[in-house]
Protein backbone atom coordinates (compact mmCIF):
# COMPACT_ATOMS: atom_id res chain seq x y z
CA MET A 1 -71.67 53.40 -91.92
CA ALA A 2 -72.07 51.06 -88.97
CA VAL A 3 -74.90 49.18 -87.34
CA ASP A 4 -77.07 51.55 -85.32
CA PRO A 5 -75.95 51.40 -81.65
CA GLU A 6 -79.58 51.57 -80.50
CA LEU A 7 -80.36 48.48 -82.59
CA LEU A 8 -77.40 46.64 -81.08
CA GLU A 9 -78.72 47.39 -77.60
CA ILE A 10 -82.05 45.65 -78.24
CA LEU A 11 -80.88 42.67 -80.32
CA VAL A 12 -80.63 39.31 -78.56
CA CYS A 13 -79.67 35.85 -79.72
CA PRO A 14 -82.71 34.31 -81.45
CA LYS A 15 -81.80 30.88 -80.05
CA THR A 16 -81.22 31.68 -76.36
CA LYS A 17 -82.35 35.30 -76.00
CA GLY A 18 -78.85 35.86 -74.57
CA GLU A 19 -76.76 39.01 -74.82
CA LEU A 20 -74.71 39.68 -77.94
CA GLU A 21 -71.17 41.02 -78.15
CA LEU A 22 -69.91 42.89 -81.21
CA ILE A 23 -66.72 41.18 -82.45
CA GLU A 24 -64.32 41.48 -85.38
CA LEU A 25 -64.39 38.47 -87.69
CA PRO A 26 -61.06 36.87 -88.69
CA ARG A 27 -59.93 37.53 -92.26
CA GLU A 28 -60.22 33.85 -93.20
CA VAL A 29 -63.93 33.89 -92.24
CA ARG A 30 -64.76 37.13 -94.07
CA GLY A 31 -63.96 35.95 -97.62
CA PRO A 32 -66.34 32.97 -97.68
CA LEU A 33 -69.10 35.11 -96.17
CA VAL A 34 -68.63 37.79 -98.85
CA GLU A 35 -69.01 35.07 -101.50
CA LYS A 36 -72.04 33.59 -99.75
CA TYR A 37 -73.92 36.89 -99.62
CA ARG A 38 -72.72 38.33 -102.97
CA GLU A 39 -75.91 37.28 -104.81
CA HIS A 40 -77.99 39.41 -102.41
CA PHE A 41 -76.03 42.57 -103.28
CA ARG A 42 -76.30 42.93 -107.04
CA ASP A 43 -74.98 46.48 -107.31
CA GLU A 44 -72.29 46.45 -104.63
CA GLU A 45 -69.74 44.23 -102.95
CA PRO A 46 -71.02 43.00 -99.56
CA VAL A 47 -68.90 44.12 -96.63
CA VAL A 48 -68.35 41.59 -93.85
CA GLU A 49 -66.06 42.62 -90.99
CA GLN A 50 -67.97 42.08 -87.76
CA GLY A 51 -70.39 39.71 -86.13
CA LEU A 52 -72.53 39.40 -83.04
CA TYR A 53 -71.32 36.70 -80.64
CA CYS A 54 -73.56 34.95 -78.12
CA ALA A 55 -71.67 33.08 -75.39
CA ALA A 56 -74.81 31.23 -74.28
CA SER A 57 -75.48 29.64 -77.68
CA GLY A 58 -71.91 29.58 -78.96
CA LEU A 59 -73.05 31.23 -82.20
CA VAL A 60 -71.85 34.24 -84.17
CA TYR A 61 -74.32 36.13 -86.35
CA PRO A 62 -72.52 37.87 -89.23
CA ILE A 63 -73.10 41.53 -90.02
CA VAL A 64 -73.25 41.97 -93.80
CA SER A 65 -73.09 45.54 -95.13
CA ASP A 66 -74.30 46.84 -91.76
CA ILE A 67 -77.22 44.36 -91.63
CA PRO A 68 -77.11 41.82 -88.78
CA ILE A 69 -78.11 38.39 -90.14
CA MET A 70 -80.07 37.13 -87.15
CA LEU A 71 -81.06 33.71 -88.45
CA ILE A 72 -79.94 30.66 -86.47
CA GLU A 73 -79.32 28.69 -89.67
CA GLU A 74 -77.00 31.46 -90.99
CA ALA A 75 -74.97 31.74 -87.76
CA LEU A 76 -71.39 30.55 -87.50
CA PRO A 77 -70.14 28.31 -84.70
CA ALA A 78 -68.04 30.30 -82.26
CA SER A 79 -65.11 27.97 -82.94
CA ALA A 80 -64.99 29.31 -86.53
CA VAL A 81 -64.00 32.71 -85.18
CA GLY A 82 -61.69 31.54 -82.41
CA ARG A 83 -64.13 31.71 -79.52
């Protein structure tokens, strides 16, 4: 199951309202995010493989078990994912 393409078309960066690009997250970033969000998924292991990158803000919003986490305070700096 993936994030709904129609949802991806309408999402924008909450900080800049800029466009978002779907990207693959590096393996070394995925593990800590799985641990961070584990408490929110009591019955299943959270899946973190992709994120939404905004070039204008330099932020990456993780997608956790097909749910985009669109909070500025939860975003990763683009440098953390090699951008």
